[in-house]
């Protein structure tokens, strides 16, 4: 596992916070169970993600602000930010083959 410099971790945290608070510069993917929730419940859950500040050593040991969870409408909601270098406007697969012909 690569050990990141403090500057690199700070940059990752900045980018994750930027995406998490604005939902710009990335793609939001929802599990089927979240996608099936009423629109108002989804919207309020996304608002909680955007305003999440409860980062601590237990849920953010790498200090990258890339994960969180909270209770919402009698459910536990987990969220995660992942960098996906192969993401495109209509397709995202972290499992993309390194062979461009694949």
C-alpha atoms as a PDB file:
ATOM      1  CA  UNK A   1       0.000   0.000   0.000  1.00  0.00           C
ATOM      2  CA  UNK A   2       1.332   3.398  -1.009  1.00  0.00           C
ATOM      3  CA  UNK A   3       2.033   5.847   1.813  1.00  0.00           C
ATOM      4  CA  UNK A   4       0.856   9.307   0.812  1.00  0.00           C
ATOM      5  CA  UNK A   5       2.523  12.548   1.818  1.00  0.00           C
ATOM      6  CA  UNK A   6       0.620  14.964   4.066  1.00  0.00           C
ATOM      7  CA  UNK A   7       0.306  17.329   1.080  1.00  0.00           C
ATOM      8  CA  UNK A   8      -1.196  14.573  -1.093  1.00  0.00           C
ATOM      9  CA  UNK A   9      -3.660  13.591   1.660  1.00  0.00           C
ATOM     10  CA  UNK A  10      -4.616  17.263   2.080  1.00  0.00           C
ATOM     11  CA  UNK A  11      -5.261  17.552  -1.678  1.00  0.00           C
ATOM     12  CA  UNK A  12      -7.359  14.360  -1.709  1.00  0.00           C
ATOM     13  CA  UNK A  13      -9.349  15.656   1.280  1.00  0.00           C
ATOM     14  CA  UNK A  14      -9.877  19.025  -0.453  1.00  0.00           C
ATOM     15  CA  UNK A  15     -11.127  17.354  -3.642  1.00  0.00           C
ATOM     16  CA  UNK A  16     -13.376  14.955  -1.721  1.00  0.00           C
ATOM     17  CA  UNK A  17     -14.841  17.822   0.335  1.00  0.00           C
ATOM     18  CA  UNK A  18     -15.364  19.852  -2.825  1.00  0.00           C
ATOM     19  CA  UNK A  19     -17.258  17.036  -4.519  1.00  0.00           C
ATOM     20  CA  UNK A  20     -19.180  16.040  -1.391  1.00  0.00           C
ATOM     21  CA  UNK A  21     -20.399  19.564  -0.669  1.00  0.00           C
ATOM     22  CA  UNK A  22     -21.239  20.578  -4.262  1.00  0.00           C
ATOM     23  CA  UNK A  23     -21.731  17.269  -6.119  1.00  0.00           C
ATOM     24  CA  UNK A  24     -19.780  18.853  -9.002  1.00  0.00           C
ATOM     25  CA  UNK A  25     -16.821  17.284 -10.754  1.00  0.00           C
ATOM     26  CA  UNK A  26     -17.909  13.701 -10.363  1.00  0.00           C
ATOM     27  CA  UNK A  27     -20.711  11.230 -10.675  1.00  0.00           C
ATOM     28  CA  UNK A  28     -23.205  10.164  -8.009  1.00  0.00           C
ATOM     29  CA  UNK A  29     -24.130   6.502  -7.975  1.00  0.00           C
ATOM     30  CA  UNK A  30     -26.945   5.193  -5.776  1.00  0.00           C
ATOM     31  CA  UNK A  31     -27.624   1.642  -4.701  1.00  0.00           C
ATOM     32  CA  UNK A  32     -30.932   0.237  -5.896  1.00  0.00           C
ATOM     33  CA  UNK A  33     -32.397   0.456  -2.394  1.00  0.00           C
ATOM     34  CA  UNK A  34     -31.532   4.165  -2.143  1.00  0.00           C
ATOM     35  CA  UNK A  35     -32.693   4.892  -5.689  1.00  0.00           C
ATOM     36  CA  UNK A  36     -36.076   3.355  -4.825  1.00  0.00           C
ATOM     37  CA  UNK A  37     -36.644   5.759  -1.912  1.00  0.00           C
ATOM     38  CA  UNK A  38     -39.074   8.658  -2.371  1.00  0.00           C
ATOM     39  CA  UNK A  39     -37.455  11.719  -3.978  1.00  0.00           C
ATOM     40  CA  UNK A  40     -37.784  13.809  -0.811  1.00  0.00           C
ATOM     41  CA  UNK A  41     -35.981  11.152   1.246  1.00  0.00           C
ATOM     42  CA  UNK A  42     -33.169  10.893  -1.325  1.00  0.00           C
ATOM     43  CA  UNK A  43     -32.844  14.681  -1.492  1.00  0.00           C
ATOM     44  CA  UNK A  44     -32.649  15.071   2.272  1.00  0.00           C
ATOM     45  CA  UNK A  45     -30.114  12.225   2.492  1.00  0.00           C
ATOM     46  CA  UNK A  46     -27.933  13.954  -0.118  1.00  0.00           C
ATOM     47  CA  UNK A  47     -28.213  17.176   1.875  1.00  0.00           C
ATOM     48  CA  UNK A  48     -26.908  15.290   4.911  1.00  0.00           C
ATOM     49  CA  UNK A  49     -23.993  13.939   2.859  1.00  0.00           C
ATOM     50  CA  UNK A  50     -23.155  17.450   1.670  1.00  0.00           C
ATOM     51  CA  UNK A  51     -23.200  18.860   5.194  1.00  0.00           C
ATOM     52  CA  UNK A  52     -21.507  15.871   6.875  1.00  0.00           C
ATOM     53  CA  UNK A  53     -18.739  16.976   9.235  1.00  0.00           C
ATOM     54  CA  UNK A  54     -18.493  14.102  11.706  1.00  0.00           C
ATOM     55  CA  UNK A  55     -15.102  12.876  10.512  1.00  0.00           C
ATOM     56  CA  UNK A  56     -13.024  11.199  13.197  1.00  0.00           C
ATOM     57  CA  UNK A  57     -10.227   8.684  13.644  1.00  0.00           C
ATOM     58  CA  UNK A  58     -12.677   5.780  13.600  1.00  0.00           C
ATOM     59  CA  UNK A  59     -14.491   6.596  10.335  1.00  0.00           C
ATOM     60  CA  UNK A  60     -11.699   8.553   8.607  1.00  0.00           C
ATOM     61  CA  UNK A  61      -8.347   7.055   9.645  1.00  0.00           C
ATOM     62  CA  UNK A  62      -6.643   8.193   6.412  1.00  0.00           C
ATOM     63  CA  UNK A  63      -8.062  11.738   6.869  1.00  0.00           C
ATOM     64  CA  UNK A  64      -9.321  11.825   3.275  1.00  0.00           C
ATOM     65  CA  UNK A  65     -13.009  12.610   4.041  1.00  0.00           C
ATOM     66  CA  UNK A  66     -14.074   9.837   1.655  1.00  0.00           C
ATOM     67  CA  UNK A  67     -16.592   7.958   3.819  1.00  0.00           C
ATOM     68  CA  UNK A  68     -19.370   8.608   6.294  1.00  0.00           C
ATOM     69  CA  UNK A  69     -22.585   7.222   7.674  1.00  0.00           C
ATOM     70  CA  UNK A  70     -25.629   8.554   9.468  1.00  0.00           C
ATOM     71  CA  UNK A  71     -29.145   7.588  10.505  1.00  0.00           C
ATOM     72  CA  UNK A  72     -31.872   8.885   8.236  1.00  0.00           C
ATOM     73  CA  UNK A  73     -35.580   8.055   8.166  1.00  0.00           C
ATOM     74  CA  UNK A  74     -35.097   4.910  10.260  1.00  0.00           C
ATOM     75  CA  UNK A  75     -32.233   3.721   8.033  1.00  0.00           C
ATOM     76  CA  UNK A  76     -28.479   3.754   8.281  1.00  0.00           C
ATOM     77  CA  UNK A  77     -27.067   5.538   5.245  1.00  0.00           C
ATOM     78  CA  UNK A  78     -23.451   4.972   4.206  1.00  0.00           C
ATOM     79  CA  UNK A  79     -21.716   7.069   1.590  1.00  0.00           C
ATOM     80  CA  UNK A  80     -18.302   6.668  -0.051  1.00  0.00           C
ATOM     81  CA  UNK A  81     -16.256   8.749  -2.473  1.00  0.00           C
ATOM     82  CA  UNK A  82     -13.947   6.845  -4.809  1.00  0.00           C
ATOM     83  CA  UNK A  83     -11.630   8.206  -7.446  1.00  0.00           C
ATOM     84  CA  UNK A  84     -12.326   6.456 -10.725  1.00  0.00           C
ATOM     85  CA  UNK A  85      -9.785   7.343 -13.431  1.00  0.00           C
ATOM     86  CA  UNK A  86     -11.802   5.463 -16.064  1.00  0.00           C
ATOM     87  CA  UNK A  87     -15.053   7.368 -15.475  1.00  0.00           C
ATOM     88  CA  UNK A  88     -16.740   8.971 -18.419  1.00  0.00           C
ATOM     89  CA  UNK A  89     -19.954  10.962 -18.649  1.00  0.00           C
ATOM     90  CA  UNK A  90     -22.095   7.887 -19.276  1.00  0.00           C
ATOM     91  CA  UNK A  91     -20.009   5.020 -17.979  1.00  0.00           C
ATOM     92  CA  UNK A  92     -18.031   4.359 -14.840  1.00  0.00           C
ATOM     93  CA  UNK A  93     -16.292   1.118 -14.086  1.00  0.00           C
ATOM     94  CA  UNK A  94     -13.491   0.841 -11.563  1.00  0.00           C
ATOM     95  CA  UNK A  95     -12.898  -2.617 -13.074  1.00  0.00           C
ATOM     96  CA  UNK A  96     -12.063  -1.399 -16.571  1.00  0.00           C
ATOM     97  CA  UNK A  97      -9.479  -3.491 -18.330  1.00  0.00           C
ATOM     98  CA  UNK A  98      -6.091  -1.917 -18.905  1.00  0.00           C
ATOM     99  CA  UNK A  99      -6.340  -3.224 -22.471  1.00  0.00           C
ATOM    100  CA  UNK A 100      -7.955  -0.364 -24.428  1.00  0.00           C
ATOM    101  CA  UNK A 101      -9.390  -2.881 -26.926  1.00  0.00           C
ATOM    102  CA  UNK A 102     -11.268  -4.702 -24.151  1.00  0.00           C
END
